[in-house]
Amino acid sequence: MPKPPLAATMARPPSAAKSLWKLGDLPPAQLSRTVFEQMIANDIFGRAAELAFYFLFALFPLILLMTTLFGIFASHSAELQDNLLSYFADFLPPTAF
């Protein structure tokens, strides 16, 4: 017996389509309680903290890499050095510049 095409098996009848705004026929209080319980069960706050930590932890090697690349490329062109330093002069305090 031949199988029906994949598109035919994935199509839903129009009666099965539900509005997203009905919230699964849950009252808003129960929906928010369920969402909060799932957030706690999946440790979403811990994962967010891990993501923030690793992002911050990855910034320092990126800054080091960018500084190294700047040194390599700017050492060959005095015009590039002047352009970049004049750009920094716009927002750095005079003592830092």
Protein backbone atom coordinates (compact mmCIF):
# COMPACT_ATOMS: atom_id res chain seq x y z
CA MET A 1 0.00 0.00 0.00
CA PRO A 2 1.58 3.36 -0.99
CA LYS A 3 2.13 6.02 1.65
CA PRO A 4 0.37 9.38 1.31
CA PRO A 5 2.59 12.37 0.48
CA LEU A 6 4.26 14.09 3.41
CA ALA A 7 2.42 17.37 2.82
CA ALA A 8 -0.91 15.58 3.06
CA THR A 9 0.01 14.00 6.39
CA MET A 10 1.14 17.33 7.86
CA ALA A 11 -1.90 19.33 6.77
CA ARG A 12 -4.48 20.00 9.48
CA PRO A 13 -8.14 20.38 8.94
CA PRO A 14 -9.39 23.94 9.50
CA SER A 15 -11.37 22.87 12.57
CA ALA A 16 -8.14 21.84 14.36
CA ALA A 17 -6.61 25.33 14.09
CA LYS A 18 -6.90 27.19 17.38
CA SER A 19 -6.31 30.79 18.18
CA LEU A 20 -3.19 31.57 20.18
CA TRP A 21 -5.11 34.19 22.12
CA LYS A 22 -7.42 31.64 23.76
CA LEU A 23 -4.43 30.49 25.87
CA GLY A 24 -5.49 26.88 25.78
CA ASP A 25 -8.77 27.77 27.55
CA LEU A 26 -6.84 28.50 30.74
CA PRO A 27 -7.61 31.47 32.92
CA PRO A 28 -4.73 33.98 33.01
CA ALA A 29 -3.95 33.25 36.68
CA GLN A 30 -3.58 29.51 36.06
CA LEU A 31 -1.57 30.13 32.89
CA SER A 32 0.86 32.44 34.68
CA ARG A 33 1.19 29.97 37.58
CA THR A 34 1.93 27.13 35.14
CA VAL A 35 4.48 29.22 33.25
CA PHE A 36 6.22 30.21 36.49
CA GLU A 37 6.28 26.58 37.71
CA GLN A 38 7.82 25.49 34.40
CA MET A 39 10.40 28.27 34.64
CA ILE A 40 11.42 27.02 38.08
CA ALA A 41 11.40 23.37 36.97
CA ASN A 42 13.64 24.14 33.98
CA ASP A 43 15.96 26.34 36.08
CA ILE A 44 15.62 29.22 33.65
CA PHE A 45 17.12 31.75 36.07
CA GLY A 46 20.21 29.60 36.59
CA ARG A 47 20.63 29.15 32.86
CA ALA A 48 20.30 32.89 32.30
CA ALA A 49 22.98 33.51 34.92
CA GLU A 50 25.26 30.94 33.27
CA LEU A 51 24.75 32.54 29.88
CA ALA A 52 25.52 36.02 31.23
CA PHE A 53 28.64 34.75 33.01
CA TYR A 54 30.01 32.96 29.97
CA PHE A 55 29.26 35.94 27.74
CA LEU A 56 31.16 38.24 30.10
CA PHE A 57 33.93 35.66 30.46
CA ALA A 58 34.31 35.54 26.65
CA LEU A 59 34.58 39.31 26.29
CA PHE A 60 38.10 39.56 27.70
CA PRO A 61 39.72 37.20 25.16
CA LEU A 62 37.82 39.05 22.44
CA ILE A 63 39.19 42.40 23.64
CA LEU A 64 42.69 40.91 23.75
CA LEU A 65 42.30 39.57 20.21
CA MET A 66 40.99 42.88 18.89
CA THR A 67 43.85 44.77 20.55
CA THR A 68 46.38 42.41 19.00
CA LEU A 69 44.82 42.74 15.56
CA PHE A 70 44.75 46.51 15.92
CA GLY A 71 48.45 46.48 16.76
CA ILE A 72 49.26 44.32 13.76
CA PHE A 73 47.27 46.36 11.23
CA ALA A 74 47.94 49.82 12.66
CA SER A 75 51.70 49.31 12.82
CA HIS A 76 51.89 49.29 9.01
CA SER A 77 49.91 52.48 8.38
CA ALA A 78 50.50 55.81 10.11
CA GLU A 79 47.33 57.18 8.50
CA LEU A 80 45.23 54.45 10.13
CA GLN A 81 46.82 55.21 13.50
CA ASP A 82 46.02 58.91 13.14
CA ASN A 83 42.41 58.23 12.09
CA LEU A 84 41.76 55.88 14.99
CA LEU A 85 43.40 58.14 17.55
CA SER A 86 41.42 61.15 16.32
CA TYR A 87 38.27 59.05 16.68
CA PHE A 88 39.18 58.23 20.29
CA ALA A 89 39.88 61.91 20.98
CA ASP A 90 36.18 62.66 20.43
CA PHE A 91 34.95 60.73 23.44
CA LEU A 92 37.95 60.21 25.73
CA PRO A 93 38.79 62.73 28.44
CA PRO A 94 41.85 64.85 27.60
CA THR A 95 43.94 63.29 30.38
CA ALA A 96 43.22 59.76 29.11
CA PHE A 97 43.91 60.73 25.51
